[in-house]
Amino acid sequence: MSQKEHGEVRSTSGTLKGIYHYLDSPSPHLFPFVFISNVTNSLQMFRVCKNGKPIAFPLLLPNQYKIVYIKDFQNVSSCDDITVTEHLEEYIYDESDLD
């Protein structure tokens, strides 16, 4: 697998909340995935985004990690920007990016 994106998830005050890595699949028969690690001592919800639009909202226990598989129906291609942010508020789906 080749690493495509990685980064830190920080709160608005700059506190480190998590670390993520987006890993592309070496085979067309396997799904790419995002590895997310919650580095806090509290329950944390994250937002996985494709080009700024949420595609998943994983909830992680304190000091735990989760693998979020990117399925075919989410139409992620090699030119898409995959990021992870802290989920702070309700997200209102505007249907502007229907793939």
PDB file of N, CA and C in Angstrom:
ATOM      1  N   MET A   1       0.833  -1.182   0.000  1.00  0.00           N
ATOM      2  CA  MET A   1       0.000   0.000   0.000  1.00  0.00           C
ATOM      3  C   MET A   1       0.872   1.238   0.000  1.00  0.00           C
ATOM      4  N   SER A   2       0.439   2.215  -0.707  1.00  0.00           N
ATOM      5  CA  SER A   2       1.184   3.465  -0.723  1.00  0.00           C
ATOM      6  C   SER A   2       0.431   4.509   0.086  1.00  0.00           C
ATOM      7  N   GLN A   3       1.148   5.251   0.884  1.00  0.00           N
ATOM      8  CA  GLN A   3       0.522   6.267   1.713  1.00  0.00           C
ATOM      9  C   GLN A   3       0.188   7.474   0.861  1.00  0.00           C
ATOM     10  N   LYS A   4      -1.027   7.965   0.960  1.00  0.00           N
ATOM     11  CA  LYS A   4      -1.475   9.089   0.157  1.00  0.00           C
ATOM     12  C   LYS A   4      -1.584  10.351   1.001  1.00  0.00           C
ATOM     13  N   GLU A   5      -2.275  10.271   2.118  1.00  0.00           N
ATOM     14  CA  GLU A   5      -2.496  11.423   2.986  1.00  0.00           C
ATOM     15  C   GLU A   5      -2.275  11.007   4.432  1.00  0.00           C
ATOM     16  N   HIS A   6      -1.826  11.948   5.226  1.00  0.00           N
ATOM     17  CA  HIS A   6      -1.726  11.727   6.666  1.00  0.00           C
ATOM     18  C   HIS A   6      -1.768  13.086   7.348  1.00  0.00           C
ATOM     19  N   GLY A   7      -2.079  13.080   8.621  1.00  0.00           N
ATOM     20  CA  GLY A   7      -2.123  14.348   9.329  1.00  0.00           C
ATOM     21  C   GLY A   7      -2.576  14.204  10.764  1.00  0.00           C
ATOM     22  N   GLU A   8      -2.685  15.355  11.396  1.00  0.00           N
ATOM     23  CA  GLU A   8      -3.145  15.437  12.778  1.00  0.00           C
ATOM     24  C   GLU A   8      -4.519  16.082  12.802  1.00  0.00           C
ATOM     25  N   VAL A   9      -5.335  15.663  13.758  1.00  0.00           N
ATOM     26  CA  VAL A   9      -6.635  16.285  13.987  1.00  0.00           C
ATOM     27  C   VAL A   9      -6.504  17.095  15.258  1.00  0.00           C
ATOM     28  N   ARG A  10      -6.729  18.399  15.146  1.00  0.00           N
ATOM     29  CA  ARG A  10      -6.604  19.291  16.301  1.00  0.00           C
ATOM     30  C   ARG A  10      -7.918  20.020  16.548  1.00  0.00           C
ATOM     31  N   SER A  11      -8.165  20.343  17.813  1.00  0.00           N
ATOM     32  CA  SER A  11      -9.348  21.117  18.174  1.00  0.00           C
ATOM     33  C   SER A  11      -9.135  22.561  17.737  1.00  0.00           C
ATOM     34  N   THR A  12     -10.162  23.375  17.865  1.00  0.00           N
ATOM     35  CA  THR A  12     -10.041  24.786  17.495  1.00  0.00           C
ATOM     36  C   THR A  12      -9.032  25.514  18.373  1.00  0.00           C
ATOM     37  N   SER A  13      -8.770  24.986  19.570  1.00  0.00           N
ATOM     38  CA  SER A  13      -7.777  25.600  20.460  1.00  0.00           C
ATOM     39  C   SER A  13      -6.371  25.048  20.217  1.00  0.00           C
ATOM     40  N   GLY A  14      -6.245  24.080  19.297  1.00  0.00           N
ATOM     41  CA  GLY A  14      -4.934  23.536  18.958  1.00  0.00           C
ATOM     42  C   GLY A  14      -4.558  22.245  19.663  1.00  0.00           C
ATOM     43  N   THR A  15      -5.448  21.718  20.504  1.00  0.00           N
ATOM     44  CA  THR A  15      -5.174  20.471  21.218  1.00  0.00           C
ATOM     45  C   THR A  15      -5.231  19.284  20.256  1.00  0.00           C
ATOM     46  N   LEU A  16      -4.243  18.414  20.338  1.00  0.00           N
ATOM     47  CA  LEU A  16      -4.207  17.228  19.486  1.00  0.00           C
ATOM     48  C   LEU A  16      -5.321  16.263  19.891  1.00  0.00           C
ATOM     49  N   LYS A  17      -6.174  15.903  18.931  1.00  0.00           N
ATOM     50  CA  LYS A  17      -7.289  14.988  19.178  1.00  0.00           C
ATOM     51  C   LYS A  17      -7.065  13.620  18.538  1.00  0.00           C
ATOM     52  N   GLY A  18      -6.340  13.606  17.422  1.00  0.00           N
ATOM     53  CA  GLY A  18      -6.131  12.344  16.731  1.00  0.00           C
ATOM     54  C   GLY A  18      -5.087  12.447  15.644  1.00  0.00           C
ATOM     55  N   ILE A  19      -4.758  11.289  15.107  1.00  0.00           N
ATOM     56  CA  ILE A  19      -3.800  11.173  14.010  1.00  0.00           C
ATOM     57  C   ILE A  19      -4.440  10.257  12.975  1.00  0.00           C
ATOM     58  N   TYR A  20      -4.259  10.579  11.686  1.00  0.00           N
ATOM     59  CA  TYR A  20      -4.837   9.723  10.658  1.00  0.00           C
ATOM     60  C   TYR A  20      -3.863   9.481   9.513  1.00  0.00           C
ATOM     61  N   HIS A  21      -4.100   8.362   8.819  1.00  0.00           N
ATOM     62  CA  HIS A  21      -3.349   7.986   7.617  1.00  0.00           C
ATOM     63  C   HIS A  21      -4.352   7.439   6.612  1.00  0.00           C
ATOM     64  N   TYR A  22      -4.320   7.951   5.401  1.00  0.00           N
ATOM     65  CA  TYR A  22      -5.138   7.405   4.322  1.00  0.00           C
ATOM     66  C   TYR A  22      -4.246   6.492   3.502  1.00  0.00           C
ATOM     67  N   LEU A  23      -4.657   5.246   3.341  1.00  0.00           N
ATOM     68  CA  LEU A  23      -3.861   4.266   2.609  1.00  0.00           C
ATOM     69  C   LEU A  23      -4.646   3.746   1.417  1.00  0.00           C
ATOM     70  N   ASP A  24      -4.068   3.900   0.248  1.00  0.00           N
ATOM     71  CA  ASP A  24      -4.694   3.427  -0.977  1.00  0.00           C
ATOM     72  C   ASP A  24      -4.467   1.924  -1.105  1.00  0.00           C
ATOM     73  N   SER A  25      -5.335   1.273  -1.798  1.00  0.00           N
ATOM     74  CA  SER A  25      -5.251  -0.175  -1.958  1.00  0.00           C
ATOM     75  C   SER A  25      -4.244  -0.556  -3.044  1.00  0.00           C
ATOM     76  N   PRO A  26      -3.487  -1.641  -2.831  1.00  0.00           N
ATOM     77  CA  PRO A  26      -2.552  -2.101  -3.860  1.00  0.00           C
ATOM     78  C   PRO A  26      -3.254  -2.895  -4.963  1.00  0.00           C
ATOM     79  N   SER A  27      -4.527  -3.185  -4.757  1.00  0.00           N
ATOM     80  CA  SER A  27      -5.278  -4.023  -5.691  1.00  0.00           C
ATOM     81  C   SER A  27      -6.649  -3.411  -5.955  1.00  0.00           C
ATOM     82  N   PRO A  28      -7.156  -3.514  -7.177  1.00  0.00           N
ATOM     83  CA  PRO A  28      -8.500  -2.992  -7.459  1.00  0.00           C
ATOM     84  C   PRO A  28      -9.603  -3.786  -6.754  1.00  0.00           C
ATOM     85  N   HIS A  29      -9.255  -4.948  -6.200  1.00  0.00           N
ATOM     86  CA  HIS A  29     -10.245  -5.788  -5.515  1.00  0.00           C
ATOM     87  C   HIS A  29     -10.344  -5.478  -4.022  1.00  0.00           C
ATOM     88  N   LEU A  30      -9.468  -4.620  -3.518  1.00  0.00           N
ATOM     89  CA  LEU A  30      -9.478  -4.249  -2.103  1.00  0.00           C
ATOM     90  C   LEU A  30      -9.839  -2.779  -1.959  1.00  0.00           C
ATOM     91  N   PHE A  31     -10.473  -2.440  -0.846  1.00  0.00           N
ATOM     92  CA  PHE A  31     -10.865  -1.056  -0.602  1.00  0.00           C
ATOM     93  C   PHE A  31      -9.728  -0.275   0.045  1.00  0.00           C
ATOM     94  N   PRO A  32      -9.545   0.990  -0.333  1.00  0.00           N
ATOM     95  CA  PRO A  32      -8.624   1.848   0.415  1.00  0.00           C
ATOM     96  C   PRO A  32      -9.239   2.126   1.791  1.00  0.00           C
ATOM     97  N   PHE A  33      -8.436   2.613   2.733  1.00  0.00           N
ATOM     98  CA  PHE A  33      -8.981   2.881   4.058  1.00  0.00           C
ATOM     99  C   PHE A  33      -8.264   4.036   4.744  1.00  0.00           C
ATOM    100  N   VAL A  34      -8.917   4.534   5.798  1.00  0.00           N
ATOM    101  CA  VAL A  34      -8.347   5.572   6.653  1.00  0.00           C
ATOM    102  C   VAL A  34      -8.140   4.951   8.027  1.00  0.00           C
ATOM    103  N   PHE A  35      -6.912   5.047   8.536  1.00  0.00           N
ATOM    104  CA  PHE A  35      -6.578   4.583   9.880  1.00  0.00           C
ATOM    105  C   PHE A  35      -6.615   5.817  10.777  1.00  0.00           C
ATOM    106  N   ILE A  36      -7.491   5.819  11.790  1.00  0.00           N
ATOM    107  CA  ILE A  36      -7.642   6.963  12.696  1.00  0.00           C
ATOM    108  C   ILE A  36      -7.320   6.517  14.112  1.00  0.00           C
ATOM    109  N   SER A  37      -6.541   7.317  14.821  1.00  0.00           N
ATOM    110  CA  SER A  37      -6.187   7.034  16.204  1.00  0.00           C
ATOM    111  C   SER A  37      -6.661   8.180  17.090  1.00  0.00           C
ATOM    112  N   ASN A  38      -7.470   7.858  18.111  1.00  0.00           N
ATOM    113  CA  ASN A  38      -7.921   8.841  19.097  1.00  0.00           C
ATOM    114  C   ASN A  38      -6.848   8.916  20.183  1.00  0.00           C
ATOM    115  N   VAL A  39      -6.183  10.054  20.310  1.00  0.00           N
ATOM    116  CA  VAL A  39      -5.089  10.186  21.282  1.00  0.00           C
ATOM    117  C   VAL A  39      -5.540  10.872  22.570  1.00  0.00           C
ATOM    118  N   THR A  40      -6.856  11.008  22.756  1.00  0.00           N
ATOM    119  CA  THR A  40      -7.375  11.665  23.957  1.00  0.00           C
ATOM    120  C   THR A  40      -7.850  10.631  24.973  1.00  0.00           C
ATOM    121  N   ASN A  41      -8.209  11.107  26.149  1.00  0.00           N
ATOM    122  CA  ASN A  41      -8.762  10.253  27.201  1.00  0.00           C
ATOM    123  C   ASN A  41     -10.279  10.336  27.246  1.00  0.00           C
ATOM    124  N   SER A  42     -10.887  10.734  26.136  1.00  0.00           N
ATOM    125  CA  SER A  42     -12.343  10.845  26.077  1.00  0.00           C
ATOM    126  C   SER A  42     -12.864  10.325  24.735  1.00  0.00           C
ATOM    127  N   LEU A  43     -14.156  10.023  24.714  1.00  0.00           N
ATOM    128  CA  LEU A  43     -14.817   9.588  23.496  1.00  0.00           C
ATOM    129  C   LEU A  43     -14.708  10.705  22.464  1.00  0.00           C
ATOM    130  N   GLN A  44     -14.398  10.365  21.226  1.00  0.00           N
ATOM    131  CA  GLN A  44     -14.160  11.390  20.208  1.00  0.00           C
ATOM    132  C   GLN A  44     -14.836  10.991  18.899  1.00  0.00           C
ATOM    133  N   MET A  45     -15.553  11.940  18.291  1.00  0.00           N
ATOM    134  CA  MET A  45     -16.154  11.703  16.982  1.00  0.00           C
ATOM    135  C   MET A  45     -15.356  12.467  15.942  1.00  0.00           C
ATOM    136  N   PHE A  46     -15.074  11.798  14.828  1.00  0.00           N
ATOM    137  CA  PHE A  46     -14.305  12.397  13.745  1.00  0.00           C
ATOM    138  C   PHE A  46     -15.163  12.481  12.492  1.00  0.00           C
ATOM    139  N   ARG A  47     -14.693  13.246  11.528  1.00  0.00           N
ATOM    140  CA  ARG A  47     -15.364  13.407  10.245  1.00  0.00           C
ATOM    141  C   ARG A  47     -14.348  13.090   9.148  1.00  0.00           C
ATOM    142  N   VAL A  48     -14.581  12.021   8.378  1.00  0.00           N
ATOM    143  CA  VAL A  48     -13.731  11.685   7.237  1.00  0.00           C
ATOM    144  C   VAL A  48     -14.343  12.376   6.022  1.00  0.00           C
ATOM    145  N   CYS A  49     -13.527  13.178   5.322  1.00  0.00           N
ATOM    146  CA  CYS A  49     -14.032  13.971   4.205  1.00  0.00           C
ATOM    147  C   CYS A  49     -13.327  13.644   2.899  1.00  0.00           C
ATOM    148  N   LYS A  50     -14.085  13.689   1.825  1.00  0.00           N
ATOM    149  CA  LYS A  50     -13.563  13.577   0.465  1.00  0.00           C
ATOM    150  C   LYS A  50     -13.763  14.943  -0.174  1.00  0.00           C
ATOM    151  N   ASN A  51     -12.670  15.620  -0.488  1.00  0.00           N
ATOM    152  CA  ASN A  51     -12.725  16.963  -1.080  1.00  0.00           C
ATOM    153  C   ASN A  51     -13.569  17.919  -0.235  1.00  0.00           C
ATOM    154  N   GLY A  52     -13.461  17.795   1.092  1.00  0.00           N
ATOM    155  CA  GLY A  52     -14.167  18.688   2.004  1.00  0.00           C
ATOM    156  C   GLY A  52     -15.579  18.275   2.359  1.00  0.00           C
ATOM    157  N   LYS A  53     -16.113  17.227   1.728  1.00  0.00           N
ATOM    158  CA  LYS A  53     -17.472  16.752   2.005  1.00  0.00           C
ATOM    159  C   LYS A  53     -17.405  15.470   2.832  1.00  0.00           C
ATOM    160  N   PRO A  54     -18.127  15.400   3.953  1.00  0.00           N
ATOM    161  CA  PRO A  54     -18.088  14.211   4.813  1.00  0.00           C
ATOM    162  C   PRO A  54     -18.593  12.955   4.112  1.00  0.00           C
ATOM    163  N   ILE A  55     -17.873  11.849   4.338  1.00  0.00           N
ATOM    164  CA  ILE A  55     -18.314  10.554   3.816  1.00  0.00           C
ATOM    165  C   ILE A  55     -18.429   9.518   4.935  1.00  0.00           C
ATOM    166  N   ALA A  56     -17.919   9.850   6.139  1.00  0.00           N
ATOM    167  CA  ALA A  56     -18.019   8.934   7.282  1.00  0.00           C
ATOM    168  C   ALA A  56     -17.851   9.720   8.579  1.00  0.00           C
ATOM    169  N   PHE A  57     -18.492   9.219   9.646  1.00  0.00           N
ATOM    170  CA  PHE A  57     -18.433   9.864  10.961  1.00  0.00           C
ATOM    171  C   PHE A  57     -18.080   8.824  12.026  1.00  0.00           C
ATOM    172  N   PRO A  58     -16.836   8.366  12.068  1.00  0.00           N
ATOM    173  CA  PRO A  58     -16.473   7.342  13.057  1.00  0.00           C
ATOM    174  C   PRO A  58     -16.404   7.887  14.481  1.00  0.00           C
ATOM    175  N   LEU A  59     -16.837   7.060  15.425  1.00  0.00           N
ATOM    176  CA  LEU A  59     -16.800   7.371  16.850  1.00  0.00           C
ATOM    177  C   LEU A  59     -15.762   6.456  17.485  1.00  0.00           C
ATOM    178  N   LEU A  60     -14.779   7.046  18.175  1.00  0.00           N
ATOM    179  CA  LEU A  60     -13.688   6.259  18.753  1.00  0.00           C
ATOM    180  C   LEU A  60     -13.645   6.398  20.262  1.00  0.00           C
ATOM    181  N   LEU A  61     -13.423   5.277  20.922  1.00  0.00           N
ATOM    182  CA  LEU A  61     -13.228   5.264  22.366  1.00  0.00           C
ATOM    183  C   LEU A  61     -11.891   5.915  22.712  1.00  0.00           C
ATOM    184  N   PRO A  62     -11.696   6.306  23.973  1.00  0.00           N
ATOM    185  CA  PRO A  62     -10.425   6.927  24.381  1.00  0.00           C
ATOM    186  C   PRO A  62      -9.224   6.042  24.055  1.00  0.00           C
ATOM    187  N   ASN A  63      -8.188   6.655  23.509  1.00  0.00           N
ATOM    188  CA  ASN A  63      -6.918   5.985  23.201  1.00  0.00           C
ATOM    189  C   ASN A  63      -7.087   4.726  22.345  1.00  0.00           C
ATOM    190  N   GLN A  64      -8.037   4.746  21.442  1.00  0.00           N
ATOM    191  CA  GLN A  64      -8.285   3.617  20.554  1.00  0.00           C
ATOM    192  C   GLN A  64      -8.073   4.035  19.102  1.00  0.00           C
ATOM    193  N   TYR A  65      -8.039   3.063  18.214  1.00  0.00           N
ATOM    194  CA  TYR A  65      -7.927   3.355  16.790  1.00  0.00           C
ATOM    195  C   TYR A  65      -9.036   2.631  16.043  1.00  0.00           C
ATOM    196  N   LYS A  66      -9.283   3.075  14.826  1.00  0.00           N
ATOM    197  CA  LYS A  66     -10.309   2.452  13.996  1.00  0.00           C
ATOM    198  C   LYS A  66      -9.866   2.530  12.545  1.00  0.00           C
ATOM    199  N   ILE A  67     -10.213   1.511  11.793  1.00  0.00           N
ATOM    200  CA  ILE A  67      -9.984   1.509  10.352  1.00  0.00           C
ATOM    201  C   ILE A  67     -11.333   1.763   9.683  1.00  0.00           C
ATOM    202  N   VAL A  68     -11.396   2.811   8.870  1.00  0.00           N
ATOM    203  CA  VAL A  68     -12.614   3.166   8.145  1.00  0.00           C
ATOM    204  C   VAL A  68     -12.374   2.839   6.674  1.00  0.00           C
ATOM    205  N   TYR A  69     -13.083   1.840   6.162  1.00  0.00           N
ATOM    206  CA  TYR A  69     -12.920   1.443   4.764  1.00  0.00           C
ATOM    207  C   TYR A  69     -13.686   2.397   3.859  1.00  0.00           C
ATOM    208  N   ILE A  70     -13.055   2.783   2.763  1.00  0.00           N
ATOM    209  CA  ILE A  70     -13.681   3.668   1.784  1.00  0.00           C
ATOM    210  C   ILE A  70     -14.290   2.769   0.709  1.00  0.00           C
ATOM    211  N   LYS A  71     -15.592   2.704   0.684  1.00  0.00           N
ATOM    212  CA  LYS A  71     -16.293   1.783  -0.213  1.00  0.00           C
ATOM    213  C   LYS A  71     -16.403   2.344  -1.632  1.00  0.00           C
ATOM    214  N   ASP A  72     -16.710   1.457  -2.578  1.00  0.00           N
ATOM    215  CA  ASP A  72     -16.872   1.842  -3.981  1.00  0.00           C
ATOM    216  C   ASP A  72     -17.925   2.927  -4.182  1.00  0.00           C
ATOM    217  N   PHE A  73     -19.016   2.871  -3.422  1.00  0.00           N
ATOM    218  CA  PHE A  73     -20.103   3.819  -3.648  1.00  0.00           C
ATOM    219  C   PHE A  73     -19.714   5.256  -3.301  1.00  0.00           C
ATOM    220  N   GLN A  74     -18.604   5.431  -2.611  1.00  0.00           N
ATOM    221  CA  GLN A  74     -18.153   6.779  -2.275  1.00  0.00           C
ATOM    222  C   GLN A  74     -17.283   7.369  -3.380  1.00  0.00           C
ATOM    223  N   ASN A  75     -17.013   6.604  -4.417  1.00  0.00           N
ATOM    224  CA  ASN A  75     -16.315   7.057  -5.624  1.00  0.00           C
ATOM    225  C   ASN A  75     -15.047   7.842  -5.343  1.00  0.00           C
ATOM    226  N   VAL A  76     -14.189   7.326  -4.496  1.00  0.00           N
ATOM    227  CA  VAL A  76     -12.921   7.989  -4.204  1.00  0.00           C
ATOM    228  C   VAL A  76     -11.920   7.609  -5.285  1.00  0.00           C
ATOM    229  N   SER A  77     -11.314   8.616  -5.891  1.00  0.00           N
ATOM    230  CA  SER A  77     -10.300   8.362  -6.914  1.00  0.00           C
ATOM    231  C   SER A  77      -8.957   8.909  -6.440  1.00  0.00           C
ATOM    232  N   SER A  78      -7.923   8.641  -7.197  1.00  0.00           N
ATOM    233  CA  SER A  78      -6.572   9.052  -6.799  1.00  0.00           C
ATOM    234  C   SER A  78      -6.401  10.567  -6.751  1.00  0.00           C
ATOM    235  N   CYS A  79      -7.271  11.316  -7.415  1.00  0.00           N
ATOM    236  CA  CYS A  79      -7.137  12.779  -7.398  1.00  0.00           C
ATOM    237  C   CYS A  79      -7.927  13.423  -6.254  1.00  0.00           C
ATOM    238  N   ASP A  80      -8.694  12.640  -5.491  1.00  0.00           N
ATOM    239  CA  ASP A  80      -9.481  13.184  -4.378  1.00  0.00           C
ATOM    240  C   ASP A  80      -8.609  13.455  -3.162  1.00  0.00           C
ATOM    241  N   ASP A  81      -8.974  14.489  -2.424  1.00  0.00           N
ATOM    242  CA  ASP A  81      -8.283  14.863  -1.194  1.00  0.00           C
ATOM    243  C   ASP A  81      -9.054  14.268  -0.017  1.00  0.00           C
ATOM    244  N   ILE A  82      -8.435  13.333   0.709  1.00  0.00           N
ATOM    245  CA  ILE A  82      -9.064  12.696   1.868  1.00  0.00           C
ATOM    246  C   ILE A  82      -8.474  13.311   3.132  1.00  0.00           C
ATOM    247  N   THR A  83      -9.341  13.851   3.984  1.00  0.00           N
ATOM    248  CA  THR A  83      -8.900  14.473   5.232  1.00  0.00           C
ATOM    249  C   THR A  83      -9.786  13.992   6.378  1.00  0.00           C
ATOM    250  N   VAL A  84      -9.309  14.205   7.601  1.00  0.00           N
ATOM    251  CA  VAL A  84     -10.071  13.867   8.798  1.00  0.00           C
ATOM    252  C   VAL A  84     -10.062  15.087   9.701  1.00  0.00           C
ATOM    253  N   THR A  85     -11.230  15.438  10.228  1.00  0.00           N
ATOM    254  CA  THR A  85     -11.355  16.569  11.142  1.00  0.00           C
ATOM    255  C   THR A  85     -12.128  16.125  12.379  1.00  0.00           C
ATOM    256  N   GLU A  86     -12.104  16.966  13.390  1.00  0.00           N
ATOM    257  CA  GLU A  86     -12.917  16.728  14.583  1.00  0.00           C
ATOM    258  C   GLU A  86     -14.363  17.044  14.227  1.00  0.00           C
ATOM    259  N   HIS A  87     -15.285  16.200  14.648  1.00  0.00           N
ATOM    260  CA  HIS A  87     -16.703  16.459  14.383  1.00  0.00           C
ATOM    261  C   HIS A  87     -17.248  17.292  15.536  1.00  0.00           C
ATOM    262  N   LEU A  88     -17.516  18.557  15.267  1.00  0.00           N
ATOM    263  CA  LEU A  88     -17.917  19.484  16.323  1.00  0.00           C
ATOM    264  C   LEU A  88     -19.408  19.771  16.370  1.00  0.00           C
ATOM    265  N   GLU A  89     -20.059  19.733  15.236  1.00  0.00           N
ATOM    266  CA  GLU A  89     -21.452  20.157  15.177  1.00  0.00           C
ATOM    267  C   GLU A  89     -22.216  19.292  14.191  1.00  0.00           C
ATOM    268  N   GLU A  90     -23.502  19.489  14.161  1.00  0.00           N
ATOM    269  CA  GLU A  90     -24.332  18.753  13.221  1.00  0.00           C
ATOM    270  C   GLU A  90     -23.954  19.150  11.798  1.00  0.00           C
ATOM    271  N   TYR A  91     -23.862  18.172  10.926  1.00  0.00           N
ATOM    272  CA  TYR A  91     -23.564  18.449   9.523  1.00  0.00           C
ATOM    273  C   TYR A  91     -24.859  18.377   8.732  1.00  0.00           C
ATOM    274  N   ILE A  92     -25.143  19.402   7.957  1.00  0.00           N
ATOM    275  CA  ILE A  92     -26.344  19.429   7.128  1.00  0.00           C
ATOM    276  C   ILE A  92     -25.939  19.071   5.707  1.00  0.00           C
ATOM    277  N   TYR A  93     -26.429  17.948   5.224  1.00  0.00           N
ATOM    278  CA  TYR A  93     -26.083  17.465   3.888  1.00  0.00           C
ATOM    279  C   TYR A  93     -26.785  18.320   2.846  1.00  0.00           C
ATOM    280  N   ASP A  94     -26.011  18.933   1.958  1.00  0.00           N
ATOM    281  CA  ASP A  94     -26.596  19.838   0.968  1.00  0.00           C
ATOM    282  C   ASP A  94     -26.763  19.219  -0.423  1.00  0.00           C
ATOM    283  N   GLU A  95     -26.399  17.956  -0.585  1.00  0.00           N
ATOM    284  CA  GLU A  95     -26.551  17.205  -1.830  1.00  0.00           C
ATOM    285  C   GLU A  95     -25.836  17.839  -3.017  1.00  0.00           C
ATOM    286  N   SER A  96     -24.852  18.694  -2.785  1.00  0.00           N
ATOM    287  CA  SER A  96     -24.168  19.373  -3.886  1.00  0.00           C
ATOM    288  C   SER A  96     -23.098  18.513  -4.539  1.00  0.00           C
ATOM    289  N   ASP A  97     -22.720  17.410  -3.913  1.00  0.00           N
ATOM    290  CA  ASP A  97     -21.653  16.578  -4.466  1.00  0.00           C
ATOM    291  C   ASP A  97     -22.118  15.135  -4.593  1.00  0.00           C
ATOM    292  N   LEU A  98     -23.111  14.920  -5.425  1.00  0.00           N
ATOM    293  CA  LEU A  98     -23.606  13.565  -5.640  1.00  0.00           C
ATOM    294  C   LEU A  98     -22.768  12.910  -6.717  1.00  0.00           C
ATOM    295  N   ASP A  99     -21.986  11.910  -6.336  1.00  0.00           N
ATOM    296  CA  ASP A  99     -21.128  11.205  -7.302  1.00  0.00           C
ATOM    297  C   ASP A  99     -21.847  10.024  -7.899  1.00  0.00           C
TER     298      ASP A  99
END
